[in-house]
C-alpha atoms as a PDB file:
ATOM      1  CA  MET A   1      -6.487  27.059 -11.890  1.00  0.00           C
ATOM      2  CA  SER A   2      -7.532  28.195  -8.436  1.00  0.00           C
ATOM      3  CA  ILE A   3      -4.111  29.687  -7.661  1.00  0.00           C
ATOM      4  CA  GLY A   4      -4.373  32.021 -10.637  1.00  0.00           C
ATOM      5  CA  ILE A   5      -1.914  30.164 -12.882  1.00  0.00           C
ATOM      6  CA  ASP A   6      -3.084  29.305 -16.387  1.00  0.00           C
ATOM      7  CA  PHE A   7      -1.435  25.943 -16.940  1.00  0.00           C
ATOM      8  CA  PRO A   8      -2.820  22.791 -18.663  1.00  0.00           C
ATOM      9  CA  PHE A   9      -2.169  20.536 -15.678  1.00  0.00           C
ATOM     10  CA  GLY A  10      -4.799  18.011 -16.798  1.00  0.00           C
ATOM     11  CA  THR A  11      -3.050  17.572 -20.134  1.00  0.00           C
ATOM     12  CA  LEU A  12       0.252  17.049 -18.329  1.00  0.00           C
ATOM     13  CA  MET A  13      -1.355  14.324 -16.212  1.00  0.00           C
ATOM     14  CA  ASP A  14      -2.680  12.651 -19.376  1.00  0.00           C
ATOM     15  CA  MET A  15       0.818  12.668 -20.854  1.00  0.00           C
ATOM     16  CA  LEU A  16       2.265  11.122 -17.695  1.00  0.00           C
ATOM     17  CA  GLN A  17      -0.326   8.348 -17.859  1.00  0.00           C
ATOM     18  CA  VAL A  18       0.532   7.670 -21.507  1.00  0.00           C
ATOM     19  CA  LEU A  19       4.225   7.466 -20.606  1.00  0.00           C
ATOM     20  CA  LEU A  20       3.419   5.042 -17.775  1.00  0.00           C
ATOM     21  CA  PHE A  21       1.491   2.786 -20.175  1.00  0.00           C
ATOM     22  CA  ILE A  22       4.292   2.909 -22.776  1.00  0.00           C
ATOM     23  CA  GLY A  23       6.865   2.029 -20.112  1.00  0.00           C
ATOM     24  CA  PHE A  24       4.642  -0.807 -18.894  1.00  0.00           C
ATOM     25  CA  PHE A  25       4.427  -2.443 -22.329  1.00  0.00           C
ATOM     26  CA  ILE A  26       8.146  -1.925 -23.014  1.00  0.00           C
ATOM     27  CA  LYS A  27       8.955  -3.621 -19.713  1.00  0.00           C
ATOM     28  CA  GLN A  28       6.525  -6.442 -20.469  1.00  0.00           C
ATOM     29  CA  ARG A  29       8.228  -7.006 -23.797  1.00  0.00           C
ATOM     30  CA  SER A  30      11.666  -7.424 -22.212  1.00  0.00           C
ATOM     31  CA  LYS A  31      10.497  -9.120 -18.998  1.00  0.00           C
ATOM     32  CA  PRO A  32       7.007 -10.514 -19.568  1.00  0.00           C
ATOM     33  CA  ASN A  33       5.067 -11.204 -16.386  1.00  0.00           C
ATOM     34  CA  TRP A  34       1.279 -11.375 -16.627  1.00  0.00           C
ATOM     35  CA  ALA A  35       0.780 -13.790 -13.736  1.00  0.00           C
ATOM     36  CA  ASP A  36       0.408 -11.098 -11.064  1.00  0.00           C
ATOM     37  CA  LEU A  37      -2.196  -9.284 -13.154  1.00  0.00           C
ATOM     38  CA  LYS A  38      -4.594 -12.201 -13.200  1.00  0.00           C
ATOM     39  CA  GLY A  39      -7.365 -12.316 -10.639  1.00  0.00           C
ATOM     40  CA  PRO A  40     -10.917 -11.214  -9.828  1.00  0.00           C
ATOM     41  CA  ILE A  41      -9.976  -7.528  -9.490  1.00  0.00           C
ATOM     42  CA  THR A  42      -8.456  -7.552 -12.970  1.00  0.00           C
ATOM     43  CA  VAL A  43     -11.592  -9.143 -14.414  1.00  0.00           C
ATOM     44  CA  LEU A  44     -13.880  -6.616 -12.713  1.00  0.00           C
ATOM     45  CA  ILE A  45     -11.784  -3.658 -13.902  1.00  0.00           C
ATOM     46  CA  LEU A  46     -11.722  -4.900 -17.486  1.00  0.00           C
ATOM     47  CA  ILE A  47     -15.465  -5.551 -17.490  1.00  0.00           C
ATOM     48  CA  TRP A  48     -16.145  -2.105 -16.052  1.00  0.00           C
ATOM     49  CA  ILE A  49     -13.865  -0.380 -18.594  1.00  0.00           C
ATOM     50  CA  PHE A  50     -15.418  -2.365 -21.460  1.00  0.00           C
ATOM     51  CA  TYR A  51     -18.858  -1.280 -20.250  1.00  0.00           C
ATOM     52  CA  ASN A  52     -17.725   2.351 -20.305  1.00  0.00           C
ATOM     53  CA  LEU A  53     -16.304   1.991 -23.810  1.00  0.00           C
ATOM     54  CA  ILE A  54     -19.487   0.583 -25.324  1.00  0.00           C
ATOM     55  CA  GLN A  55     -21.494   3.439 -23.821  1.00  0.00           C
ATOM     56  CA  ILE A  56     -20.438   5.563 -26.793  1.00  0.00           C
ATOM     57  CA  ALA A  57     -23.057   3.640 -28.763  1.00  0.00           C
ATOM     58  CA  ASN A  58     -25.789   4.279 -26.180  1.00  0.00           C
ATOM     59  CA  PRO A  59     -28.679   5.827 -28.158  1.00  0.00           C
ATOM     60  CA  THR A  60     -30.109   7.515 -25.051  1.00  0.00           C
ATOM     61  CA  ALA A  61     -26.832   9.193 -24.010  1.00  0.00           C
ATOM     62  CA  GLU A  62     -27.240  12.891 -23.308  1.00  0.00           C
ATOM     63  CA  SER A  63     -23.769  13.894 -24.507  1.00  0.00           C
ATOM     64  CA  ARG A  64     -20.886  12.246 -26.365  1.00  0.00           C
ATOM     65  CA  LEU A  65     -18.555  14.851 -24.896  1.00  0.00           C
ATOM     66  CA  ALA A  66     -19.510  13.751 -21.379  1.00  0.00           C
ATOM     67  CA  TRP A  67     -18.542  10.215 -22.419  1.00  0.00           C
ATOM     68  CA  VAL A  68     -15.096  11.476 -23.463  1.00  0.00           C
ATOM     69  CA  TYR A  69     -14.622  13.166 -20.083  1.00  0.00           C
ATOM     70  CA  THR A  70     -15.618   9.953 -18.281  1.00  0.00           C
ATOM     71  CA  ILE A  71     -13.211   7.804 -20.273  1.00  0.00           C
ATOM     72  CA  ARG A  72     -10.409  10.303 -19.772  1.00  0.00           C
ATOM     73  CA  SER A  73     -10.815  10.982 -16.069  1.00  0.00           C
ATOM     74  CA  VAL A  74     -12.080   7.634 -14.779  1.00  0.00           C
ATOM     75  CA  ALA A  75     -11.586   4.675 -17.108  1.00  0.00           C
ATOM     76  CA  ILE A  76      -8.072   5.533 -18.295  1.00  0.00           C
ATOM     77  CA  VAL A  77      -6.956   6.407 -14.759  1.00  0.00           C
ATOM     78  CA  THR A  78      -8.245   3.027 -13.576  1.00  0.00           C
ATOM     79  CA  LEU A  79      -5.949   1.303 -16.076  1.00  0.00           C
ATOM     80  CA  THR A  80      -2.969   2.524 -14.059  1.00  0.00           C
ATOM     81  CA  TYR A  81      -3.887  -0.297 -11.650  1.00  0.00           C
ATOM     82  CA  PHE A  82      -2.023  -2.670 -13.982  1.00  0.00           C
ATOM     83  CA  VAL A  83       1.007  -0.372 -14.138  1.00  0.00           C
ATOM     84  CA  PHE A  84       1.244  -0.207 -10.350  1.00  0.00           C
ATOM     85  CA  MET A  85       0.611  -3.917  -9.904  1.00  0.00           C
ATOM     86  CA  TYR A  86       3.553  -4.668 -12.184  1.00  0.00           C
ATOM     87  CA  ASN A  87       5.982  -2.142 -10.668  1.00  0.00           C
ATOM     88  CA  ILE A  88       5.240  -2.240  -6.938  1.00  0.00           C
ATOM     89  CA  ARG A  89       7.307  -5.142  -5.682  1.00  0.00           C
ATOM     90  CA  SER A  90       8.253  -4.381  -2.078  1.00  0.00           C
ATOM     91  CA  VAL A  91       6.686  -3.318   1.193  1.00  0.00           C
ATOM     92  CA  GLU A  92       9.287  -0.565   1.517  1.00  0.00           C
ATOM     93  CA  PHE A  93       8.144   1.022  -1.728  1.00  0.00           C
ATOM     94  CA  ILE A  94       4.528   0.977  -0.534  1.00  0.00           C
ATOM     95  CA  ARG A  95       5.624   2.657   2.698  1.00  0.00           C
ATOM     96  CA  VAL A  96       7.372   5.389   0.720  1.00  0.00           C
ATOM     97  CA  VAL A  97       4.234   5.936  -1.375  1.00  0.00           C
ATOM     98  CA  LEU A  98       1.982   6.151   1.698  1.00  0.00           C
ATOM     99  CA  LYS A  99       4.341   8.493   3.562  1.00  0.00           C
ATOM    100  CA  THR A 100       4.637  10.749   0.499  1.00  0.00           C
ATOM    101  CA  TRP A 101       0.860  10.732   0.096  1.00  0.00           C
ATOM    102  CA  ILE A 102       0.259  11.747   3.708  1.00  0.00           C
ATOM    103  CA  PHE A 103       3.023  14.379   3.601  1.00  0.00           C
ATOM    104  CA  LEU A 104       1.582  16.053   0.493  1.00  0.00           C
ATOM    105  CA  ALA A 105      -1.933  15.891   1.974  1.00  0.00           C
ATOM    106  CA  ILE A 106      -0.719  17.600   5.152  1.00  0.00           C
ATOM    107  CA  CYS A 107       0.980  20.295   3.063  1.00  0.00           C
ATOM    108  CA  ALA A 108      -2.302  20.899   1.239  1.00  0.00           C
ATOM    109  CA  ALA A 109      -4.215  20.926   4.534  1.00  0.00           C
ATOM    110  CA  LEU A 110      -1.871  23.449   6.149  1.00  0.00           C
ATOM    111  CA  TYR A 111      -2.043  25.717   3.125  1.00  0.00           C
ATOM    112  CA  GLY A 112      -5.821  25.474   3.153  1.00  0.00           C
ATOM    113  CA  LEU A 113      -5.843  26.458   6.825  1.00  0.00           C
ATOM    114  CA  LYS A 114      -3.523  29.339   5.968  1.00  0.00           C
ATOM    115  CA  GLN A 115      -6.096  30.532   3.429  1.00  0.00           C
ATOM    116  CA  GLU A 116      -8.824  30.205   6.035  1.00  0.00           C
ATOM    117  CA  TYR A 117      -7.172  32.042   8.932  1.00  0.00           C
ATOM    118  CA  ILE A 118      -4.524  34.257   7.296  1.00  0.00           C
ATOM    119  CA  GLY A 119      -6.000  34.891   3.894  1.00  0.00           C
ATOM    120  CA  PHE A 120      -5.449  34.316   0.192  1.00  0.00           C
ATOM    121  CA  SER A 121      -2.323  35.439  -1.622  1.00  0.00           C
ATOM    122  CA  ALA A 122      -2.437  38.376  -4.029  1.00  0.00           C
ATOM    123  CA  SER A 123      -2.602  36.112  -7.082  1.00  0.00           C
ATOM    124  CA  GLU A 124      -5.390  34.058  -5.515  1.00  0.00           C
ATOM    125  CA  GLU A 125      -7.353  37.207  -4.664  1.00  0.00           C
ATOM    126  CA  ALA A 126      -6.949  38.421  -8.233  1.00  0.00           C
ATOM    127  CA  TRP A 127      -8.238  35.121  -9.601  1.00  0.00           C
ATOM    128  CA  LEU A 128     -11.184  34.965  -7.199  1.00  0.00           C
ATOM    129  CA  HIS A 129     -12.355  38.409  -8.304  1.00  0.00           C
ATOM    130  CA  SER A 130     -11.567  37.969 -11.997  1.00  0.00           C
ATOM    131  CA  ASP A 131     -14.978  36.509 -12.832  1.00  0.00           C
ATOM    132  CA  PRO A 132     -18.366  36.969 -11.092  1.00  0.00           C
ATOM    133  CA  ASN A 133     -19.139  33.291 -11.753  1.00  0.00           C
ATOM    134  CA  ILE A 134     -16.237  32.282  -9.510  1.00  0.00           C
ATOM    135  CA  ALA A 135     -17.745  34.180  -6.599  1.00  0.00           C
ATOM    136  CA  GLY A 136     -21.084  32.550  -7.328  1.00  0.00           C
ATOM    137  CA  LEU A 137     -19.511  29.143  -6.855  1.00  0.00           C
ATOM    138  CA  LEU A 138     -17.009  29.782  -4.079  1.00  0.00           C
ATOM    139  CA  PHE A 139     -18.467  32.657  -2.032  1.00  0.00           C
ATOM    140  CA  ILE A 140     -21.257  31.213   0.112  1.00  0.00           C
ATOM    141  CA  ASP A 141     -23.035  32.966   2.968  1.00  0.00           C
ATOM    142  CA  GLY A 142     -20.356  35.648   3.239  1.00  0.00           C
ATOM    143  CA  HIS A 143     -17.480  33.160   3.353  1.00  0.00           C
ATOM    144  CA  TRP A 144     -15.000  31.972   0.724  1.00  0.00           C
ATOM    145  CA  ARG A 145     -14.628  28.237   0.254  1.00  0.00           C
ATOM    146  CA  LYS A 146     -11.016  27.092   0.486  1.00  0.00           C
ATOM    147  CA  MET A 147      -9.166  25.011  -2.087  1.00  0.00           C
ATOM    148  CA  SER A 148      -5.527  25.119  -0.890  1.00  0.00           C
ATOM    149  CA  PHE A 149      -3.205  24.730  -3.898  1.00  0.00           C
ATOM    150  CA  LEU A 150      -5.570  22.255  -5.572  1.00  0.00           C
ATOM    151  CA  SER A 151      -7.875  23.041  -8.485  1.00  0.00           C
ATOM    152  CA  ASP A 152     -11.108  23.605  -6.548  1.00  0.00           C
ATOM    153  CA  PRO A 153     -12.751  23.104  -3.113  1.00  0.00           C
ATOM    154  CA  VAL A 154     -14.278  19.766  -4.143  1.00  0.00           C
ATOM    155  CA  ALA A 155     -10.916  18.262  -5.103  1.00  0.00           C
ATOM    156  CA  PHE A 156      -9.416  19.691  -1.917  1.00  0.00           C
ATOM    157  CA  SER A 157     -12.104  18.284   0.369  1.00  0.00           C
ATOM    158  CA  TYR A 158     -12.078  14.782  -1.094  1.00  0.00           C
ATOM    159  CA  ASN A 159      -8.288  14.619  -1.001  1.00  0.00           C
ATOM    160  CA  MET A 160      -8.436  15.558   2.686  1.00  0.00           C
ATOM    161  CA  VAL A 161     -11.082  12.913   3.392  1.00  0.00           C
ATOM    162  CA  VAL A 162      -9.234  10.115   1.586  1.00  0.00           C
ATOM    163  CA  ALA A 163      -5.941  10.973   3.321  1.00  0.00           C
ATOM    164  CA  SER A 164      -7.631  11.083   6.730  1.00  0.00           C
ATOM    165  CA  ILE A 165      -9.272   7.705   6.119  1.00  0.00           C
ATOM    166  CA  LEU A 166      -5.879   6.299   5.121  1.00  0.00           C
ATOM    167  CA  CYS A 167      -4.459   7.537   8.435  1.00  0.00           C
ATOM    168  CA  MET A 168      -7.381   5.971  10.328  1.00  0.00           C
ATOM    169  CA  ALA A 169      -6.728   2.622   8.642  1.00  0.00           C
ATOM    170  CA  LEU A 170      -3.008   2.813   9.445  1.00  0.00           C
ATOM    171  CA  LEU A 171      -3.860   3.424  13.112  1.00  0.00           C
ATOM    172  CA  THR A 172      -5.160  -0.126  13.382  1.00  0.00           C
ATOM    173  CA  GLY A 173      -1.857  -1.598  12.218  1.00  0.00           C
ATOM    174  CA  PRO A 174       1.076  -2.838  14.337  1.00  0.00           C
ATOM    175  CA  ILE A 175       2.927   0.471  14.538  1.00  0.00           C
ATOM    176  CA  LYS A 176       4.743   2.253  17.354  1.00  0.00           C
ATOM    177  CA  PHE A 177       2.858   4.462  19.788  1.00  0.00           C
ATOM    178  CA  TYR A 178       4.480   7.737  18.698  1.00  0.00           C
ATOM    179  CA  LYS A 179       3.472   7.006  15.112  1.00  0.00           C
ATOM    180  CA  LYS A 180      -0.121   6.569  16.231  1.00  0.00           C
ATOM    181  CA  ILE A 181       0.064   9.968  17.920  1.00  0.00           C
ATOM    182  CA  LEU A 182       1.368  11.494  14.688  1.00  0.00           C
ATOM    183  CA  LEU A 183      -1.424   9.838  12.713  1.00  0.00           C
ATOM    184  CA  CYS A 184      -4.032  11.186  15.143  1.00  0.00           C
ATOM    185  CA  VAL A 185      -2.599  14.691  14.694  1.00  0.00           C
ATOM    186  CA  CYS A 186      -2.695  14.238  10.920  1.00  0.00           C
ATOM    187  CA  ILE A 187      -6.321  13.080  11.041  1.00  0.00           C
ATOM    188  CA  PHE A 188      -7.292  16.152  13.071  1.00  0.00           C
ATOM    189  CA  ILE A 189      -5.520  18.540  10.672  1.00  0.00           C
ATOM    190  CA  LEU A 190      -6.910  16.852   7.562  1.00  0.00           C
ATOM    191  CA  LEU A 191     -10.520  16.828   8.764  1.00  0.00           C
ATOM    192  CA  TRP A 192     -10.198  20.401  10.034  1.00  0.00           C
ATOM    193  CA  ALA A 193      -8.953  21.498   6.612  1.00  0.00           C
ATOM    194  CA  MET A 194     -11.732  19.525   4.930  1.00  0.00           C
ATOM    195  CA  LEU A 195     -14.341  21.532   6.833  1.00  0.00           C
ATOM    196  CA  THR A 196     -12.921  24.788   5.446  1.00  0.00           C
ATOM    197  CA  SER A 197     -13.645  23.646   1.885  1.00  0.00           C
ATOM    198  CA  GLY A 198     -17.400  24.021   2.355  1.00  0.00           C
ATOM    199  CA  THR A 199     -18.034  20.813   0.393  1.00  0.00           C
ATOM    200  CA  ARG A 200     -20.994  19.168   2.090  1.00  0.00           C
ATOM    201  CA  GLY A 201     -20.676  15.944   0.116  1.00  0.00           C
ATOM    202  CA  ALA A 202     -17.363  15.227   1.831  1.00  0.00           C
ATOM    203  CA  TYR A 203     -18.715  15.536   5.371  1.00  0.00           C
ATOM    204  CA  VAL A 204     -20.560  12.219   5.299  1.00  0.00           C
ATOM    205  CA  LEU A 205     -17.657  10.167   3.954  1.00  0.00           C
ATOM    206  CA  PRO A 206     -15.583   9.666   7.163  1.00  0.00           C
ATOM    207  CA  PRO A 207     -18.385   8.097   9.260  1.00  0.00           C
ATOM    208  CA  VAL A 208     -19.707   6.011   6.361  1.00  0.00           C
ATOM    209  CA  THR A 209     -16.224   4.749   5.536  1.00  0.00           C
ATOM    210  CA  LEU A 210     -15.535   3.922   9.167  1.00  0.00           C
ATOM    211  CA  LEU A 211     -18.739   1.891   9.243  1.00  0.00           C
ATOM    212  CA  LEU A 212     -17.626  -0.136   6.211  1.00  0.00           C
ATOM    213  CA  PHE A 213     -14.143  -0.511   7.688  1.00  0.00           C
ATOM    214  CA  ALA A 214     -15.628  -1.740  10.965  1.00  0.00           C
ATOM    215  CA  ILE A 215     -17.519  -4.411   9.033  1.00  0.00           C
ATOM    216  CA  LEU A 216     -14.394  -5.524   7.160  1.00  0.00           C
ATOM    217  CA  LYS A 217     -12.153  -5.569  10.225  1.00  0.00           C
ATOM    218  CA  PHE A 218     -14.297  -5.922  13.280  1.00  0.00           C
ATOM    219  CA  ASN A 219     -12.538  -5.485  16.623  1.00  0.00           C
ATOM    220  CA  ARG A 220     -12.810  -3.224  19.651  1.00  0.00           C
ATOM    221  CA  GLN A 221     -10.419  -0.590  18.343  1.00  0.00           C
ATOM    222  CA  VAL A 222     -12.204  -0.256  15.003  1.00  0.00           C
ATOM    223  CA  LEU A 223     -15.561  -0.264  16.772  1.00  0.00           C
ATOM    224  CA  ARG A 224     -14.435   2.725  18.877  1.00  0.00           C
ATOM    225  CA  PHE A 225     -13.445   4.624  15.746  1.00  0.00           C
ATOM    226  CA  GLY A 226     -16.755   3.677  14.122  1.00  0.00           C
ATOM    227  CA  ILE A 227     -18.715   5.032  17.083  1.00  0.00           C
ATOM    228  CA  ALA A 228     -16.593   8.211  17.062  1.00  0.00           C
ATOM    229  CA  GLY A 229     -17.244   8.611  13.343  1.00  0.00           C
ATOM    230  CA  GLY A 230     -20.965   8.129  13.853  1.00  0.00           C
ATOM    231  CA  LEU A 231     -21.026  10.790  16.542  1.00  0.00           C
ATOM    232  CA  TYR A 232     -19.017  13.072  14.240  1.00  0.00           C
END
């Protein structure tokens, strides 16, 4: 881990997903409800997962182990769509999820900025210098890439981008003015923290996403954000 703690966090996440699936099927057994899970999104997800599963028989595949990683980190995670569709039943719950998401993202952003302008902790310094390969990946042009309390700079940067895009989308909703100010502050902090990660692949995502969002929901406000994203 980037914070210098040797802990199988990925395995813990896998166990949580398994428990979610078990709870889903137990709940379906006592209170069956498959109606809400029917639709075009469900069909597309199942087709995509089935396509991933049959790739194990692909004779031109470079690595079977890479297939296992794909199924574990992408296909199985996608199945949680059905768990959430079954359990999320109110707008209030969605609001709690979004607020928690933004709060945790801001915490990560602030800690990343702390690493950038104050410095790493002793345990983080020890981990960064524990292996020359780490410096080869994270020390670029005389500057350390930042990862906050996440696993690596890439995960940090993409989490910042996704959270900032979520805030941008919420800005277009019917919310109070002071909440829009708070969202603008959050967007600034999140994008600022994203820049400290040194992950170039993340830089292009905000303007591209704003362009797609402008196409989906075309109005003057979204157009302004799209132009601002393009200039960014």
